[in-house]
Amino acid sequence: MTLSGSVTRAKSKIEGRRVHSDLPEKLGFRTSRETHAEAPAGLFTLSQLDKTALEPAPINPEWVLEGDPQARCKNLSVIGDDWTAVDHWSCTAGKFRWQYFLDETILILEGEAYITDDKGVEYHAVPGVTLSFPDGSAANWHVPEYVRKIAFNQKSVPTYFHKVCRAVNKLHRFLFK
């Protein structure tokens, strides 16, 4: 083993975890190599981010405020009778007012957007930023050029129902240890 090989391996570890050199490609930053994988016939959903797989998902024309924003989307997974879904979404330049009918948390992967809430607070969404939008809210989006995100969507649940579910789960764990 050479010293340079040891240094390379040492540099590729961060806090004991191996850094994957193909991570940017898996996140859709590069598409030079095929990233599709056959999903095994198991219990879990296996998906990969692939910008080329996004399909047209037009924004409601009544929501468009300026320009001609073109949205594209691909569902990555659905859990529990459409209770929870994860989507890969992108949009070209424009301004629109998005209405949220689910609780949604986003992670920006590429590009940027300026998102303004109904109190007038503006959020600058850039890669690595997460934002959460509650069911029933709305936000004005200004996409200067392009934005791409992962959206984690979930049907909202009343607080009292959460408490009932926690109690049932606790009882279940106690009875069926």
C-alpha atoms as a PDB file:
ATOM      1  CA  MET A   1       0.000   0.000   0.000  1.00  0.00           C
ATOM      2  CA  THR A   2       1.331   3.390  -0.944  1.00  0.00           C
ATOM      3  CA  LEU A   3       1.225   6.478   1.190  1.00  0.00           C
ATOM      4  CA  SER A   4      -0.890   8.281  -1.418  1.00  0.00           C
ATOM      5  CA  GLY A   5      -3.398   5.400  -1.357  1.00  0.00           C
ATOM      6  CA  SER A   6      -3.660   5.664   2.435  1.00  0.00           C
ATOM      7  CA  VAL A   7      -4.130   9.420   2.246  1.00  0.00           C
ATOM      8  CA  THR A   8      -6.827   9.022  -0.421  1.00  0.00           C
ATOM      9  CA  ARG A   9      -8.695   6.487   1.709  1.00  0.00           C
ATOM     10  CA  ALA A  10      -8.292   8.668   4.805  1.00  0.00           C
ATOM     11  CA  LYS A  11      -9.634  11.698   2.935  1.00  0.00           C
ATOM     12  CA  SER A  12     -12.634   9.687   1.733  1.00  0.00           C
ATOM     13  CA  LYS A  13     -13.759   8.977   5.295  1.00  0.00           C
ATOM     14  CA  ILE A  14     -15.615  11.493   7.403  1.00  0.00           C
ATOM     15  CA  GLU A  15     -16.363  10.545  11.002  1.00  0.00           C
ATOM     16  CA  GLY A  16     -15.993   6.865  10.168  1.00  0.00           C
ATOM     17  CA  ARG A  17     -18.447   6.945   7.265  1.00  0.00           C
ATOM     18  CA  ARG A  18     -17.326   6.331   3.741  1.00  0.00           C
ATOM     19  CA  VAL A  19     -18.071   9.129   1.280  1.00  0.00           C
ATOM     20  CA  HIS A  20     -19.397   7.793  -1.999  1.00  0.00           C
ATOM     21  CA  SER A  21     -17.759   9.342  -5.043  1.00  0.00           C
ATOM     22  CA  ASP A  22     -20.941   8.703  -7.060  1.00  0.00           C
ATOM     23  CA  LEU A  23     -23.188  10.592  -4.609  1.00  0.00           C
ATOM     24  CA  PRO A  24     -23.575  13.678  -6.856  1.00  0.00           C
ATOM     25  CA  GLU A  25     -24.723  11.437  -9.692  1.00  0.00           C
ATOM     26  CA  LYS A  26     -27.209   9.647  -7.437  1.00  0.00           C
ATOM     27  CA  LEU A  27     -28.600  13.050  -6.477  1.00  0.00           C
ATOM     28  CA  GLY A  28     -29.108  13.839 -10.146  1.00  0.00           C
ATOM     29  CA  PHE A  29     -26.282  16.360 -10.505  1.00  0.00           C
ATOM     30  CA  ARG A  30     -24.639  14.326 -13.243  1.00  0.00           C
ATOM     31  CA  THR A  31     -26.386  12.087 -15.734  1.00  0.00           C
ATOM     32  CA  SER A  32     -23.391  10.783 -17.657  1.00  0.00           C
ATOM     33  CA  ARG A  33     -23.785   7.234 -16.330  1.00  0.00           C
ATOM     34  CA  GLU A  34     -26.945   5.132 -16.090  1.00  0.00           C
ATOM     35  CA  THR A  35     -28.301   5.347 -12.527  1.00  0.00           C
ATOM     36  CA  HIS A  36     -31.374   3.130 -12.793  1.00  0.00           C
ATOM     37  CA  ALA A  37     -31.460   0.030 -10.649  1.00  0.00           C
ATOM     38  CA  GLU A  38     -33.948  -2.798 -10.684  1.00  0.00           C
ATOM     39  CA  ALA A  39     -35.974  -2.736  -7.494  1.00  0.00           C
ATOM     40  CA  PRO A  40     -35.791  -6.016  -5.579  1.00  0.00           C
ATOM     41  CA  ALA A  41     -39.086  -7.744  -4.726  1.00  0.00           C
ATOM     42  CA  GLY A  42     -38.943  -6.763  -1.057  1.00  0.00           C
ATOM     43  CA  LEU A  43     -40.838  -4.727   1.479  1.00  0.00           C
ATOM     44  CA  PHE A  44     -39.183  -1.390   0.745  1.00  0.00           C
ATOM     45  CA  THR A  45     -39.473   1.120  -2.085  1.00  0.00           C
ATOM     46  CA  LEU A  46     -36.217   1.714  -3.946  1.00  0.00           C
ATOM     47  CA  SER A  47     -35.915   4.851  -6.051  1.00  0.00           C
ATOM     48  CA  GLN A  48     -33.115   6.981  -7.425  1.00  0.00           C
ATOM     49  CA  LEU A  49     -33.072  10.618  -8.385  1.00  0.00           C
ATOM     50  CA  ASP A  50     -32.892  10.993 -12.144  1.00  0.00           C
ATOM     51  CA  LYS A  51     -33.544  14.399 -13.695  1.00  0.00           C
ATOM     52  CA  THR A  52     -34.222  12.783 -17.061  1.00  0.00           C
ATOM     53  CA  ALA A  53     -37.130  10.760 -15.624  1.00  0.00           C
ATOM     54  CA  LEU A  54     -39.128  13.824 -14.545  1.00  0.00           C
ATOM     55  CA  GLU A  55     -42.432  14.108 -16.406  1.00  0.00           C
ATOM     56  CA  PRO A  56     -44.506  17.212 -17.178  1.00  0.00           C
ATOM     57  CA  ALA A  57     -46.596  18.308 -14.173  1.00  0.00           C
ATOM     58  CA  PRO A  58     -48.210  21.606 -15.162  1.00  0.00           C
ATOM     59  CA  ILE A  59     -48.796  24.233 -12.497  1.00  0.00           C
ATOM     60  CA  ASN A  60     -52.446  25.225 -12.189  1.00  0.00           C
ATOM     61  CA  PRO A  61     -52.738  28.138 -14.672  1.00  0.00           C
ATOM     62  CA  GLU A  62     -54.746  30.149 -12.105  1.00  0.00           C
ATOM     63  CA  TRP A  63     -51.729  30.022  -9.776  1.00  0.00           C
ATOM     64  CA  VAL A  64     -49.246  31.476 -12.312  1.00  0.00           C
ATOM     65  CA  LEU A  65     -48.463  35.121 -11.533  1.00  0.00           C
ATOM     66  CA  GLU A  66     -45.742  35.821 -14.095  1.00  0.00           C
ATOM     67  CA  GLY A  67     -43.892  34.031 -16.879  1.00  0.00           C
ATOM     68  CA  ASP A  68     -44.414  30.481 -18.064  1.00  0.00           C
ATOM     69  CA  PRO A  69     -43.029  28.200 -15.332  1.00  0.00           C
ATOM     70  CA  GLN A  70     -42.757  24.594 -16.525  1.00  0.00           C
ATOM     71  CA  ALA A  71     -42.875  22.038 -13.717  1.00  0.00           C
ATOM     72  CA  ARG A  72     -41.807  18.408 -13.983  1.00  0.00           C
ATOM     73  CA  CYS A  73     -42.278  15.696 -11.371  1.00  0.00           C
ATOM     74  CA  LYS A  74     -41.757  12.015 -10.624  1.00  0.00           C
ATOM     75  CA  ASN A  75     -43.197  10.194  -7.641  1.00  0.00           C
ATOM     76  CA  LEU A  76     -40.497   8.256  -5.799  1.00  0.00           C
ATOM     77  CA  SER A  77     -42.642   6.487  -3.212  1.00  0.00           C
ATOM     78  CA  VAL A  78     -46.089   6.269  -1.649  1.00  0.00           C
ATOM     79  CA  ILE A  79     -46.801   4.836   1.793  1.00  0.00           C
ATOM     80  CA  GLY A  80     -50.050   3.877   3.503  1.00  0.00           C
ATOM     81  CA  ASP A  81     -52.883   4.403   1.022  1.00  0.00           C
ATOM     82  CA  ASP A  82     -51.367   7.647  -0.285  1.00  0.00           C
ATOM     83  CA  TRP A  83     -50.904   8.919   3.272  1.00  0.00           C
ATOM     84  CA  THR A  84     -47.263   9.836   2.645  1.00  0.00           C
ATOM     85  CA  ALA A  85     -45.512  10.471  -0.662  1.00  0.00           C
ATOM     86  CA  VAL A  86     -42.064  11.549  -1.802  1.00  0.00           C
ATOM     87  CA  ASP A  87     -41.724  13.421  -5.087  1.00  0.00           C
ATOM     88  CA  HIS A  88     -38.806  14.640  -7.185  1.00  0.00           C
ATOM     89  CA  TRP A  89     -39.825  18.006  -8.722  1.00  0.00           C
ATOM     90  CA  SER A  90     -38.304  20.749 -10.851  1.00  0.00           C
ATOM     91  CA  CYS A  91     -39.485  24.035 -12.306  1.00  0.00           C
ATOM     92  CA  THR A  92     -38.236  26.608 -14.786  1.00  0.00           C
ATOM     93  CA  ALA A  93     -38.328  30.402 -14.352  1.00  0.00           C
ATOM     94  CA  GLY A  94     -41.536  32.116 -13.326  1.00  0.00           C
ATOM     95  CA  LYS A  95     -43.681  33.302 -10.447  1.00  0.00           C
ATOM     96  CA  PHE A  96     -46.650  31.427  -9.015  1.00  0.00           C
ATOM     97  CA  ARG A  97     -48.722  31.083  -5.858  1.00  0.00           C
ATOM     98  CA  TRP A  98     -48.620  27.492  -4.651  1.00  0.00           C
ATOM     99  CA  GLN A  99     -51.493  26.168  -2.556  1.00  0.00           C
ATOM    100  CA  TYR A 100     -50.620  23.377  -0.088  1.00  0.00           C
ATOM    101  CA  PHE A 101     -53.256  20.689   0.428  1.00  0.00           C
ATOM    102  CA  LEU A 102     -50.889  18.445   2.406  1.00  0.00           C
ATOM    103  CA  ASP A 103     -48.129  19.029   4.933  1.00  0.00           C
ATOM    104  CA  GLU A 104     -45.015  19.350   2.776  1.00  0.00           C
ATOM    105  CA  THR A 105     -41.329  19.540   3.598  1.00  0.00           C
ATOM    106  CA  ILE A 106     -38.913  20.233   0.765  1.00  0.00           C
ATOM    107  CA  LEU A 107     -35.168  19.835   0.302  1.00  0.00           C
ATOM    108  CA  ILE A 108     -33.670  21.982  -2.455  1.00  0.00           C
ATOM    109  CA  LEU A 109     -31.206  20.047  -4.614  1.00  0.00           C
ATOM    110  CA  GLU A 110     -30.350  22.488  -7.377  1.00  0.00           C
ATOM    111  CA  GLY A 111     -31.051  26.069  -8.447  1.00  0.00           C
ATOM    112  CA  GLU A 112     -32.860  28.572  -6.283  1.00  0.00           C
ATOM    113  CA  ALA A 113     -36.236  30.043  -5.433  1.00  0.00           C
ATOM    114  CA  TYR A 114     -37.482  32.975  -3.400  1.00  0.00           C
ATOM    115  CA  ILE A 115     -40.516  31.866  -1.433  1.00  0.00           C
ATOM    116  CA  THR A 116     -42.711  34.396   0.371  1.00  0.00           C
ATOM    117  CA  ASP A 117     -45.239  33.421   3.026  1.00  0.00           C
ATOM    118  CA  ASP A 118     -48.511  35.235   3.758  1.00  0.00           C
ATOM    119  CA  LYS A 119     -46.816  37.307   6.484  1.00  0.00           C
ATOM    120  CA  GLY A 120     -44.463  38.745   3.859  1.00  0.00           C
ATOM    121  CA  VAL A 121     -41.393  36.830   5.054  1.00  0.00           C
ATOM    122  CA  GLU A 122     -39.126  35.816   2.155  1.00  0.00           C
ATOM    123  CA  TYR A 123     -37.091  32.604   2.262  1.00  0.00           C
ATOM    124  CA  HIS A 124     -34.146  32.072  -0.077  1.00  0.00           C
ATOM    125  CA  ALA A 125     -34.226  28.398  -1.005  1.00  0.00           C
ATOM    126  CA  VAL A 126     -30.868  27.126  -2.303  1.00  0.00           C
ATOM    127  CA  PRO A 127     -29.304  23.640  -2.378  1.00  0.00           C
ATOM    128  CA  GLY A 128     -29.283  22.092   1.080  1.00  0.00           C
ATOM    129  CA  VAL A 129     -32.119  24.256   2.439  1.00  0.00           C
ATOM    130  CA  THR A 130     -35.279  22.646   3.796  1.00  0.00           C
ATOM    131  CA  LEU A 131     -38.633  24.375   4.243  1.00  0.00           C
ATOM    132  CA  SER A 132     -41.877  23.053   5.678  1.00  0.00           C
ATOM    133  CA  PHE A 133     -45.342  24.165   4.577  1.00  0.00           C
ATOM    134  CA  PRO A 134     -48.423  23.234   6.614  1.00  0.00           C
ATOM    135  CA  ASP A 135     -51.604  21.923   5.026  1.00  0.00           C
ATOM    136  CA  GLY A 136     -53.883  24.814   4.069  1.00  0.00           C
ATOM    137  CA  SER A 137     -51.109  27.365   3.605  1.00  0.00           C
ATOM    138  CA  ALA A 138     -49.981  29.110   0.434  1.00  0.00           C
ATOM    139  CA  ALA A 139     -46.727  30.681  -0.710  1.00  0.00           C
ATOM    140  CA  ASN A 140     -45.575  32.865  -3.570  1.00  0.00           C
ATOM    141  CA  TRP A 141     -42.694  31.278  -5.446  1.00  0.00           C
ATOM    142  CA  HIS A 142     -40.256  33.238  -7.591  1.00  0.00           C
ATOM    143  CA  VAL A 143     -37.935  30.950  -9.545  1.00  0.00           C
ATOM    144  CA  PRO A 144     -35.311  33.145 -11.287  1.00  0.00           C
ATOM    145  CA  GLU A 145     -34.014  30.377 -13.577  1.00  0.00           C
ATOM    146  CA  TYR A 146     -34.546  26.833 -12.323  1.00  0.00           C
ATOM    147  CA  VAL A 147     -35.141  24.918  -9.105  1.00  0.00           C
ATOM    148  CA  ARG A 148     -35.160  21.204  -8.282  1.00  0.00           C
ATOM    149  CA  LYS A 149     -36.315  19.685  -5.019  1.00  0.00           C
ATOM    150  CA  ILE A 150     -37.424  16.614  -3.167  1.00  0.00           C
ATOM    151  CA  ALA A 151     -40.885  17.023  -1.606  1.00  0.00           C
ATOM    152  CA  PHE A 152     -41.947  14.949   1.381  1.00  0.00           C
ATOM    153  CA  ASN A 153     -45.765  15.135   1.503  1.00  0.00           C
ATOM    154  CA  GLN A 154     -48.072  13.848   4.215  1.00  0.00           C
ATOM    155  CA  LYS A 155     -51.773  14.168   4.895  1.00  0.00           C
ATOM    156  CA  SER A 156     -52.217  16.301   7.967  1.00  0.00           C
ATOM    157  CA  VAL A 157     -53.491  14.656  11.120  1.00  0.00           C
ATOM    158  CA  PRO A 158     -55.323  16.441  13.943  1.00  0.00           C
ATOM    159  CA  THR A 159     -53.329  16.646  17.195  1.00  0.00           C
ATOM    160  CA  TYR A 160     -55.900  14.639  19.159  1.00  0.00           C
ATOM    161  CA  PHE A 161     -55.549  11.766  16.671  1.00  0.00           C
ATOM    162  CA  HIS A 162     -51.750  11.758  17.140  1.00  0.00           C
ATOM    163  CA  LYS A 163     -52.270  11.413  20.887  1.00  0.00           C
ATOM    164  CA  VAL A 164     -54.703   8.524  20.445  1.00  0.00           C
ATOM    165  CA  CYS A 165     -52.277   6.753  18.082  1.00  0.00           C
ATOM    166  CA  ARG A 166     -49.379   7.189  20.531  1.00  0.00           C
ATOM    167  CA  ALA A 167     -51.472   5.687  23.339  1.00  0.00           C
ATOM    168  CA  VAL A 168     -52.505   2.717  21.174  1.00  0.00           C
ATOM    169  CA  ASN A 169     -48.874   2.136  20.076  1.00  0.00           C
ATOM    170  CA  LYS A 170     -47.658   2.296  23.678  1.00  0.00           C
ATOM    171  CA  LEU A 171     -50.326  -0.219  24.750  1.00  0.00           C
ATOM    172  CA  HIS A 172     -49.427  -2.480  21.819  1.00  0.00           C
ATOM    173  CA  ARG A 173     -45.713  -2.421  22.709  1.00  0.00           C
ATOM    174  CA  PHE A 174     -46.551  -3.196  26.354  1.00  0.00           C
ATOM    175  CA  LEU A 175     -48.834  -6.130  25.492  1.00  0.00           C
ATOM    176  CA  PHE A 176     -46.738  -7.634  22.678  1.00  0.00           C
ATOM    177  CA  LYS A 177     -43.126  -7.193  23.790  1.00  0.00           C
END
